[in-house]
């Protein structure tokens, strides 16, 4: 599977099912493996969003990430974060896909993936810090979540790279 091949020939039913499946995976990986951090919790939802770009087109990956994460916020008891999460997770998937598209070259999968995942992590930290200003009542209060978000970004990047290695070897993905 080439992440930049023409996916326009894929049937709309299959695209819808794949996007819904990835939204469900994002939801599950956001809800269940939780580790508390200052002003929130760490999970593997972002890792799943990173991985979705290898299986979905850009806009489907963005929507799957946003929908899955928003459902996790709703059901997980963080309804005030639904709108910020939608914007941030959409931006995360968009950043990962865009950076991967720009820097990917044959034989440079690992560096391209790492740079793309770092860009997605940065989008998450910046986005949640921005929205935290409004939800926590100021910039200083919002900055308290930055270390936890940065740790989550590093964790998501490392786990996504490990899973990419597994997928590349086991599924013979041509990425």
N, C-alpha and C. Protein backbone atom coordinates (compact mmCIF):
# COMPACT_ATOMS: atom_id res chain seq x y z
N UNK A 1 0.85 -1.18 0.00
CA UNK A 1 0.00 0.00 0.00
C UNK A 1 0.89 1.23 0.00
N UNK A 2 0.67 2.11 -0.93
CA UNK A 2 1.41 3.36 -1.01
C UNK A 2 0.51 4.47 -0.50
N UNK A 3 0.96 5.20 0.51
CA UNK A 3 0.08 6.18 1.13
C UNK A 3 -0.26 7.33 0.20
N UNK A 4 0.49 7.48 -0.87
CA UNK A 4 0.21 8.59 -1.77
C UNK A 4 -0.32 8.13 -3.12
N UNK A 5 -0.69 6.86 -3.22
CA UNK A 5 -1.27 6.38 -4.47
C UNK A 5 -2.66 6.98 -4.63
N UNK A 6 -3.19 6.88 -5.82
CA UNK A 6 -4.52 7.42 -6.08
C UNK A 6 -5.56 6.52 -5.42
N UNK A 7 -6.19 7.04 -4.38
CA UNK A 7 -7.19 6.27 -3.66
C UNK A 7 -8.60 6.64 -4.11
N UNK A 8 -8.72 7.41 -5.18
CA UNK A 8 -10.03 7.87 -5.63
C UNK A 8 -10.87 6.73 -6.20
N UNK A 9 -10.25 5.63 -6.56
CA UNK A 9 -10.97 4.51 -7.14
C UNK A 9 -11.63 3.62 -6.09
N UNK A 10 -11.34 3.87 -4.83
CA UNK A 10 -11.90 3.06 -3.76
C UNK A 10 -13.38 3.40 -3.63
N UNK A 11 -14.21 2.38 -3.44
CA UNK A 11 -15.65 2.62 -3.36
C UNK A 11 -16.00 3.46 -2.14
N UNK A 12 -17.05 4.24 -2.27
CA UNK A 12 -17.45 5.13 -1.17
C UNK A 12 -17.89 4.34 0.06
N UNK A 13 -18.46 3.17 -0.13
CA UNK A 13 -18.86 2.34 1.01
C UNK A 13 -17.63 1.88 1.78
N UNK A 14 -16.64 1.44 1.06
CA UNK A 14 -15.41 0.98 1.72
C UNK A 14 -14.73 2.14 2.45
N UNK A 15 -14.70 3.31 1.83
CA UNK A 15 -14.09 4.48 2.46
C UNK A 15 -14.82 4.82 3.75
N UNK A 16 -16.15 4.81 3.70
CA UNK A 16 -16.95 5.13 4.88
C UNK A 16 -16.71 4.12 6.00
N UNK A 17 -16.67 2.85 5.64
CA UNK A 17 -16.45 1.80 6.63
C UNK A 17 -15.05 1.92 7.23
N UNK A 18 -14.05 2.16 6.41
CA UNK A 18 -12.68 2.30 6.92
C UNK A 18 -12.56 3.52 7.84
N UNK A 19 -13.18 4.64 7.46
CA UNK A 19 -13.13 5.83 8.31
C UNK A 19 -13.83 5.58 9.64
N UNK A 20 -14.98 4.90 9.59
CA UNK A 20 -15.71 4.58 10.83
C UNK A 20 -14.90 3.62 11.70
N UNK A 21 -14.26 2.65 11.06
CA UNK A 21 -13.42 1.70 11.80
C UNK A 21 -12.27 2.43 12.50
N UNK A 22 -11.62 3.33 11.79
CA UNK A 22 -10.51 4.07 12.40
C UNK A 22 -11.00 5.02 13.48
N UNK A 23 -12.18 5.60 13.31
CA UNK A 23 -12.75 6.43 14.38
C UNK A 23 -12.98 5.58 15.63
N UNK A 24 -13.48 4.36 15.43
CA UNK A 24 -13.70 3.45 16.56
C UNK A 24 -12.39 3.04 17.22
N UNK A 25 -11.37 2.80 16.42
CA UNK A 25 -10.06 2.45 16.97
C UNK A 25 -9.49 3.62 17.77
N UNK A 26 -9.60 4.83 17.21
CA UNK A 26 -9.13 6.03 17.94
C UNK A 26 -9.89 6.16 19.26
N UNK A 27 -11.20 5.98 19.22
CA UNK A 27 -12.01 6.05 20.44
C UNK A 27 -11.51 5.05 21.48
N UNK A 28 -11.37 3.80 21.08
CA UNK A 28 -10.94 2.74 22.02
C UNK A 28 -9.56 3.01 22.59
N UNK A 29 -8.63 3.43 21.75
CA UNK A 29 -7.27 3.67 22.22
C UNK A 29 -7.16 4.96 23.03
N UNK A 30 -8.16 5.83 22.92
CA UNK A 30 -8.20 7.03 23.76
C UNK A 30 -8.85 6.72 25.10
N UNK A 31 -9.86 5.89 25.09
CA UNK A 31 -10.64 5.61 26.31
C UNK A 31 -9.96 4.67 27.29
N UNK A 32 -9.33 3.63 26.79
CA UNK A 32 -8.98 2.55 27.70
C UNK A 32 -7.56 2.55 28.24
N UNK A 33 -6.52 2.71 27.48
CA UNK A 33 -5.21 2.77 28.15
C UNK A 33 -4.90 4.20 28.61
N UNK A 34 -5.45 4.63 29.76
CA UNK A 34 -5.28 6.00 30.24
C UNK A 34 -4.25 6.06 31.36
N UNK A 35 -3.41 7.09 31.30
CA UNK A 35 -2.46 7.39 32.36
C UNK A 35 -2.67 8.85 32.75
N UNK A 36 -3.01 9.14 34.01
CA UNK A 36 -3.24 10.54 34.41
C UNK A 36 -1.97 11.39 34.27
N UNK A 37 -2.14 12.60 33.75
CA UNK A 37 -1.08 13.60 33.69
C UNK A 37 -1.68 14.92 34.18
N UNK A 38 -0.85 15.92 34.44
CA UNK A 38 -1.41 17.20 34.90
C UNK A 38 -2.46 17.74 33.92
N UNK A 39 -3.63 18.03 34.43
CA UNK A 39 -4.74 18.63 33.68
C UNK A 39 -5.30 17.73 32.58
N UNK A 40 -5.20 16.42 32.74
CA UNK A 40 -5.77 15.52 31.74
C UNK A 40 -5.25 14.11 31.90
N UNK A 41 -5.17 13.39 30.79
CA UNK A 41 -4.66 12.02 30.82
C UNK A 41 -3.94 11.70 29.52
N UNK A 42 -2.99 10.77 29.60
CA UNK A 42 -2.24 10.32 28.45
C UNK A 42 -2.88 9.04 27.92
N UNK A 43 -2.91 8.90 26.61
CA UNK A 43 -3.52 7.72 25.99
C UNK A 43 -2.83 7.43 24.67
N UNK A 44 -3.30 6.42 23.98
CA UNK A 44 -2.72 6.05 22.68
C UNK A 44 -3.58 6.50 21.50
N UNK A 45 -4.54 7.38 21.75
CA UNK A 45 -5.39 7.87 20.68
C UNK A 45 -4.62 8.61 19.60
N UNK A 46 -3.66 9.43 20.02
CA UNK A 46 -2.87 10.18 19.05
C UNK A 46 -2.01 9.24 18.20
N UNK A 47 -1.49 8.20 18.82
CA UNK A 47 -0.74 7.18 18.08
C UNK A 47 -1.60 6.60 16.97
N UNK A 48 -2.84 6.31 17.30
CA UNK A 48 -3.76 5.73 16.33
C UNK A 48 -4.05 6.71 15.19
N UNK A 49 -4.18 7.98 15.53
CA UNK A 49 -4.38 9.00 14.49
C UNK A 49 -3.17 9.03 13.56
N UNK A 50 -1.97 8.97 14.14
CA UNK A 50 -0.76 8.94 13.31
C UNK A 50 -0.81 7.78 12.32
N UNK A 51 -1.21 6.62 12.79
CA UNK A 51 -1.22 5.42 11.95
C UNK A 51 -2.31 5.45 10.89
N UNK A 52 -3.39 6.17 11.16
CA UNK A 52 -4.52 6.19 10.22
C UNK A 52 -4.15 6.77 8.86
N UNK A 53 -3.11 7.61 8.81
CA UNK A 53 -2.75 8.21 7.52
C UNK A 53 -2.25 7.19 6.51
N UNK A 54 -1.82 6.02 6.99
CA UNK A 54 -1.35 4.99 6.08
C UNK A 54 -2.49 4.20 5.45
N UNK A 55 -3.69 4.38 5.97
CA UNK A 55 -4.84 3.59 5.51
C UNK A 55 -5.99 4.43 4.96
N UNK A 56 -5.98 5.72 5.23
CA UNK A 56 -7.07 6.60 4.81
C UNK A 56 -6.52 7.79 4.04
N UNK A 57 -7.38 8.41 3.25
CA UNK A 57 -7.01 9.67 2.63
C UNK A 57 -6.99 10.75 3.70
N UNK A 58 -6.39 11.88 3.37
CA UNK A 58 -6.19 12.94 4.37
C UNK A 58 -7.47 13.34 5.08
N UNK A 59 -8.51 13.67 4.35
CA UNK A 59 -9.72 14.17 5.02
C UNK A 59 -10.41 13.08 5.83
N UNK A 60 -10.33 11.82 5.39
CA UNK A 60 -10.93 10.75 6.20
C UNK A 60 -10.13 10.52 7.48
N UNK A 61 -8.80 10.60 7.39
CA UNK A 61 -7.97 10.45 8.59
C UNK A 61 -8.24 11.59 9.57
N UNK A 62 -8.38 12.79 9.05
CA UNK A 62 -8.68 13.95 9.91
C UNK A 62 -10.02 13.78 10.61
N UNK A 63 -11.03 13.38 9.87
CA UNK A 63 -12.36 13.20 10.46
C UNK A 63 -12.40 12.02 11.43
N UNK A 64 -11.75 10.92 11.07
CA UNK A 64 -11.74 9.76 11.97
C UNK A 64 -11.06 10.11 13.29
N UNK A 65 -9.96 10.83 13.22
CA UNK A 65 -9.27 11.25 14.44
C UNK A 65 -10.11 12.17 15.29
N UNK A 66 -10.76 13.14 14.64
CA UNK A 66 -11.59 14.10 15.37
C UNK A 66 -12.81 13.42 15.99
N UNK A 67 -13.50 12.60 15.22
CA UNK A 67 -14.72 11.95 15.72
C UNK A 67 -14.41 10.97 16.84
N UNK A 68 -13.41 10.12 16.65
CA UNK A 68 -13.05 9.14 17.68
C UNK A 68 -12.63 9.81 18.98
N UNK A 69 -11.84 10.86 18.88
CA UNK A 69 -11.37 11.57 20.08
C UNK A 69 -12.51 12.32 20.76
N UNK A 70 -13.39 12.93 19.97
CA UNK A 70 -14.53 13.65 20.56
C UNK A 70 -15.47 12.71 21.29
N UNK A 71 -15.72 11.55 20.72
CA UNK A 71 -16.56 10.56 21.40
C UNK A 71 -15.93 10.13 22.72
N UNK A 72 -14.61 9.98 22.73
CA UNK A 72 -13.92 9.61 23.97
C UNK A 72 -14.06 10.72 25.01
N UNK A 73 -13.98 11.98 24.59
CA UNK A 73 -14.18 13.08 25.53
C UNK A 73 -15.60 13.10 26.06
N UNK A 74 -16.57 12.88 25.20
CA UNK A 74 -17.97 12.88 25.60
C UNK A 74 -18.25 11.76 26.60
N UNK A 75 -17.89 10.55 26.25
CA UNK A 75 -18.18 9.40 27.10
C UNK A 75 -17.26 9.36 28.32
N UNK A 76 -16.05 9.90 28.17
CA UNK A 76 -15.09 9.89 29.27
C UNK A 76 -15.31 10.97 30.32
N UNK A 77 -16.30 11.83 30.12
CA UNK A 77 -16.60 12.84 31.12
C UNK A 77 -15.91 14.17 30.93
N UNK A 78 -15.46 14.46 29.72
CA UNK A 78 -14.80 15.73 29.43
C UNK A 78 -15.55 16.49 28.32
N UNK A 79 -16.85 16.71 28.47
CA UNK A 79 -17.62 17.31 27.37
C UNK A 79 -17.16 18.72 27.01
N UNK A 80 -16.57 19.43 27.95
CA UNK A 80 -16.11 20.79 27.65
C UNK A 80 -14.98 20.79 26.62
N UNK A 81 -14.31 19.65 26.48
CA UNK A 81 -13.19 19.54 25.56
C UNK A 81 -13.59 19.04 24.17
N UNK A 82 -14.86 18.78 23.92
CA UNK A 82 -15.26 18.19 22.64
C UNK A 82 -14.87 19.07 21.45
N UNK A 83 -15.23 20.33 21.49
CA UNK A 83 -14.92 21.23 20.36
C UNK A 83 -13.41 21.43 20.22
N UNK A 84 -12.70 21.77 21.32
CA UNK A 84 -11.25 21.88 21.17
C UNK A 84 -10.60 20.60 20.64
N UNK A 85 -11.05 19.47 21.13
CA UNK A 85 -10.48 18.19 20.67
C UNK A 85 -10.74 17.98 19.19
N UNK A 86 -11.93 18.31 18.73
CA UNK A 86 -12.24 18.15 17.30
C UNK A 86 -11.25 18.96 16.45
N UNK A 87 -11.03 20.20 16.85
CA UNK A 87 -10.12 21.07 16.10
C UNK A 87 -8.68 20.55 16.18
N UNK A 88 -8.25 20.22 17.40
CA UNK A 88 -6.86 19.80 17.60
C UNK A 88 -6.57 18.48 16.89
N UNK A 89 -7.42 17.50 17.04
CA UNK A 89 -7.15 16.19 16.43
C UNK A 89 -7.26 16.24 14.91
N UNK A 90 -8.16 17.08 14.39
CA UNK A 90 -8.20 17.30 12.94
C UNK A 90 -6.86 17.87 12.49
N UNK A 91 -6.37 18.87 13.24
CA UNK A 91 -5.09 19.50 12.91
C UNK A 91 -3.92 18.53 13.02
N UNK A 92 -3.98 17.64 14.01
CA UNK A 92 -2.92 16.64 14.18
C UNK A 92 -2.83 15.75 12.94
N UNK A 93 -3.95 15.18 12.53
CA UNK A 93 -3.95 14.30 11.36
C UNK A 93 -3.54 15.07 10.10
N UNK A 94 -4.03 16.29 9.98
CA UNK A 94 -3.69 17.12 8.83
C UNK A 94 -2.19 17.39 8.78
N UNK A 95 -1.61 17.72 9.94
CA UNK A 95 -0.17 18.00 10.01
C UNK A 95 0.65 16.76 9.66
N UNK A 96 0.28 15.62 10.22
CA UNK A 96 1.02 14.38 9.96
C UNK A 96 0.96 14.04 8.48
N UNK A 97 -0.22 14.07 7.91
CA UNK A 97 -0.37 13.71 6.50
C UNK A 97 0.40 14.69 5.61
N UNK A 98 0.25 15.98 5.89
CA UNK A 98 0.89 16.99 5.05
C UNK A 98 2.41 16.90 5.12
N UNK A 99 2.96 16.78 6.32
CA UNK A 99 4.41 16.67 6.45
C UNK A 99 4.91 15.39 5.79
N UNK A 100 4.20 14.29 5.97
CA UNK A 100 4.60 13.03 5.34
C UNK A 100 4.60 13.17 3.82
N UNK A 101 3.59 13.82 3.31
CA UNK A 101 3.48 14.01 1.85
C UNK A 101 4.64 14.87 1.33
N UNK A 102 5.04 15.88 2.10
CA UNK A 102 6.10 16.78 1.66
C UNK A 102 7.48 16.13 1.75
N UNK A 103 7.77 15.45 2.85
CA UNK A 103 9.14 14.97 3.08
C UNK A 103 9.38 13.53 2.66
N UNK A 104 8.32 12.76 2.38
CA UNK A 104 8.51 11.34 2.06
C UNK A 104 9.23 11.16 0.74
N UNK A 105 10.26 10.35 0.77
CA UNK A 105 10.97 9.92 -0.42
C UNK A 105 11.23 8.43 -0.28
N UNK A 106 11.30 7.74 -1.39
CA UNK A 106 11.58 6.30 -1.36
C UNK A 106 12.86 6.04 -0.57
N UNK A 107 12.78 5.09 0.35
CA UNK A 107 13.94 4.74 1.16
C UNK A 107 14.13 5.63 2.38
N UNK A 108 13.25 6.61 2.57
CA UNK A 108 13.39 7.51 3.72
C UNK A 108 12.14 7.46 4.60
N UNK A 109 11.58 6.28 4.72
CA UNK A 109 10.34 6.11 5.47
C UNK A 109 10.48 6.52 6.93
N UNK A 110 11.53 6.08 7.59
CA UNK A 110 11.64 6.30 9.03
C UNK A 110 11.81 7.77 9.38
N UNK A 111 12.67 8.47 8.67
CA UNK A 111 12.86 9.90 8.97
C UNK A 111 11.61 10.68 8.60
N UNK A 112 10.97 10.31 7.50
CA UNK A 112 9.73 10.98 7.10
C UNK A 112 8.64 10.78 8.14
N UNK A 113 8.50 9.54 8.60
CA UNK A 113 7.48 9.23 9.61
C UNK A 113 7.77 9.96 10.91
N UNK A 114 9.02 9.93 11.35
CA UNK A 114 9.38 10.60 12.60
C UNK A 114 9.08 12.09 12.52
N UNK A 115 9.47 12.74 11.43
CA UNK A 115 9.20 14.17 11.27
C UNK A 115 7.70 14.46 11.24
N UNK A 116 6.96 13.62 10.54
CA UNK A 116 5.51 13.81 10.46
C UNK A 116 4.86 13.64 11.83
N UNK A 117 5.27 12.62 12.57
CA UNK A 117 4.68 12.37 13.89
C UNK A 117 5.07 13.48 14.88
N UNK A 118 6.28 14.00 14.76
CA UNK A 118 6.70 15.12 15.61
C UNK A 118 5.85 16.35 15.28
N UNK A 119 5.59 16.58 14.00
CA UNK A 119 4.73 17.71 13.61
C UNK A 119 3.33 17.54 14.18
N UNK A 120 2.80 16.33 14.14
CA UNK A 120 1.48 16.06 14.72
C UNK A 120 1.47 16.29 16.22
N UNK A 121 2.54 15.86 16.89
CA UNK A 121 2.64 16.07 18.33
C UNK A 121 2.72 17.56 18.65
N UNK A 122 3.47 18.30 17.85
CA UNK A 122 3.56 19.75 18.06
C UNK A 122 2.20 20.41 17.86
N UNK A 123 1.46 19.97 16.86
CA UNK A 123 0.11 20.51 16.63
C UNK A 123 -0.78 20.25 17.84
N UNK A 124 -0.63 19.08 18.45
CA UNK A 124 -1.43 18.74 19.63
C UNK A 124 -1.07 19.65 20.81
N UNK A 125 0.22 19.81 21.07
CA UNK A 125 0.66 20.65 22.20
C UNK A 125 0.21 22.09 21.99
N UNK A 126 0.44 22.62 20.81
CA UNK A 126 0.05 24.01 20.52
C UNK A 126 -1.46 24.18 20.59
N UNK A 127 -2.20 23.25 19.99
CA UNK A 127 -3.66 23.36 19.98
C UNK A 127 -4.27 23.29 21.37
N UNK A 128 -3.86 22.29 22.15
CA UNK A 128 -4.42 22.16 23.50
C UNK A 128 -3.98 23.31 24.41
N UNK A 129 -2.77 23.82 24.21
CA UNK A 129 -2.33 24.98 24.99
C UNK A 129 -3.17 26.21 24.64
N UNK A 130 -3.43 26.39 23.36
CA UNK A 130 -4.27 27.51 22.92
C UNK A 130 -5.67 27.43 23.55
N UNK A 131 -6.31 26.29 23.42
CA UNK A 131 -7.66 26.15 23.98
C UNK A 131 -7.66 26.16 25.50
N UNK A 132 -6.56 25.71 26.09
CA UNK A 132 -6.45 25.74 27.55
C UNK A 132 -6.48 27.15 28.11
N UNK A 133 -6.01 28.11 27.32
CA UNK A 133 -6.07 29.51 27.76
C UNK A 133 -7.51 29.90 28.09
N UNK A 134 -8.44 29.47 27.27
CA UNK A 134 -9.84 29.81 27.48
C UNK A 134 -10.50 28.92 28.53
N UNK A 135 -10.15 27.65 28.54
CA UNK A 135 -10.80 26.72 29.46
C UNK A 135 -10.23 26.76 30.87
N UNK A 136 -8.96 27.12 31.01
CA UNK A 136 -8.34 27.19 32.33
C UNK A 136 -8.24 28.61 32.86
N UNK A 137 -8.62 29.58 32.05
CA UNK A 137 -8.67 30.96 32.53
C UNK A 137 -7.38 31.75 32.40
N UNK A 138 -6.49 31.33 31.55
CA UNK A 138 -5.29 32.13 31.34
C UNK A 138 -4.15 31.32 30.76
N UNK A 139 -3.17 32.05 30.25
CA UNK A 139 -2.03 31.43 29.59
C UNK A 139 -1.17 30.65 30.57
N UNK A 140 -0.94 31.22 31.75
CA UNK A 140 -0.10 30.54 32.75
C UNK A 140 -0.72 29.22 33.18
N UNK A 141 -2.01 29.21 33.39
CA UNK A 141 -2.69 27.97 33.77
C UNK A 141 -2.60 26.94 32.65
N UNK A 142 -2.75 27.40 31.42
CA UNK A 142 -2.70 26.49 30.28
C UNK A 142 -1.30 25.90 30.09
N UNK A 143 -0.28 26.67 30.41
CA UNK A 143 1.09 26.19 30.25
C UNK A 143 1.40 24.99 31.15
N UNK A 144 0.62 24.81 32.20
CA UNK A 144 0.86 23.69 33.11
C UNK A 144 0.65 22.34 32.43
N UNK A 145 -0.12 22.31 31.37
CA UNK A 145 -0.36 21.04 30.69
C UNK A 145 0.70 20.72 29.64
N UNK A 146 1.56 21.68 29.31
CA UNK A 146 2.54 21.47 28.25
C UNK A 146 3.49 20.29 28.52
N UNK A 147 4.07 20.15 29.72
CA UNK A 147 4.96 18.99 29.93
C UNK A 147 4.25 17.65 29.70
N UNK A 148 3.05 17.51 30.21
CA UNK A 148 2.30 16.27 30.01
C UNK A 148 1.97 16.03 28.55
N UNK A 149 1.58 17.08 27.85
CA UNK A 149 1.28 16.95 26.43
C UNK A 149 2.53 16.60 25.63
N UNK A 150 3.66 17.19 26.01
CA UNK A 150 4.92 16.89 25.32
C UNK A 150 5.32 15.43 25.54
N UNK A 151 5.16 14.95 26.78
CA UNK A 151 5.47 13.55 27.07
C UNK A 151 4.55 12.64 26.26
N UNK A 152 3.28 12.99 26.20
CA UNK A 152 2.34 12.19 25.40
C UNK A 152 2.74 12.19 23.93
N UNK A 153 3.19 13.35 23.43
CA UNK A 153 3.63 13.43 22.03
C UNK A 153 4.83 12.54 21.75
N UNK A 154 5.79 12.54 22.67
CA UNK A 154 6.97 11.69 22.51
C UNK A 154 6.55 10.22 22.55
N UNK A 155 5.70 9.88 23.53
CA UNK A 155 5.23 8.50 23.65
C UNK A 155 4.47 8.08 22.38
N UNK A 156 3.60 8.94 21.89
CA UNK A 156 2.82 8.62 20.69
C UNK A 156 3.73 8.42 19.49
N UNK A 157 4.74 9.25 19.36
CA UNK A 157 5.68 9.14 18.24
C UNK A 157 6.45 7.83 18.30
N UNK A 158 6.98 7.50 19.47
CA UNK A 158 7.76 6.27 19.62
C UNK A 158 6.89 5.04 19.36
N UNK A 159 5.71 5.00 19.97
CA UNK A 159 4.82 3.84 19.78
C UNK A 159 4.40 3.72 18.32
N UNK A 160 4.08 4.85 17.68
CA UNK A 160 3.68 4.81 16.27
C UNK A 160 4.81 4.29 15.39
N UNK A 161 6.04 4.70 15.68
CA UNK A 161 7.17 4.21 14.89
C UNK A 161 7.38 2.70 15.08
N UNK A 162 7.21 2.22 16.30
CA UNK A 162 7.33 0.78 16.57
C UNK A 162 6.24 0.02 15.81
N UNK A 163 5.01 0.52 15.89
CA UNK A 163 3.90 -0.14 15.19
C UNK A 163 4.10 -0.08 13.68
N UNK A 164 4.63 1.03 13.17
CA UNK A 164 4.92 1.13 11.74
C UNK A 164 5.92 0.06 11.32
N UNK A 165 6.93 -0.16 12.14
CA UNK A 165 7.90 -1.22 11.84
C UNK A 165 7.24 -2.58 11.76
N UNK A 166 6.34 -2.84 12.70
CA UNK A 166 5.60 -4.10 12.69
C UNK A 166 4.74 -4.20 11.44
N UNK A 167 3.99 -3.14 11.13
CA UNK A 167 3.10 -3.16 9.96
C UNK A 167 3.89 -3.33 8.68
N UNK A 168 4.99 -2.62 8.59
CA UNK A 168 5.80 -2.68 7.38
C UNK A 168 6.34 -4.09 7.15
N UNK A 169 6.79 -4.73 8.22
CA UNK A 169 7.36 -6.07 8.11
C UNK A 169 6.29 -7.14 7.91
N UNK A 170 5.19 -7.04 8.64
CA UNK A 170 4.18 -8.11 8.65
C UNK A 170 3.17 -8.01 7.52
N UNK A 171 2.83 -6.80 7.13
CA UNK A 171 1.80 -6.63 6.11
C UNK A 171 2.37 -6.29 4.74
N UNK A 172 3.68 -6.25 4.64
CA UNK A 172 4.35 -5.91 3.38
C UNK A 172 3.83 -4.60 2.80
N UNK A 173 3.64 -3.62 3.68
CA UNK A 173 3.21 -2.31 3.20
C UNK A 173 4.36 -1.66 2.44
N UNK A 174 4.05 -1.11 1.30
CA UNK A 174 5.07 -0.42 0.50
C UNK A 174 5.03 1.05 0.85
N UNK A 175 5.46 1.35 2.06
CA UNK A 175 5.44 2.73 2.53
C UNK A 175 6.84 3.19 2.86
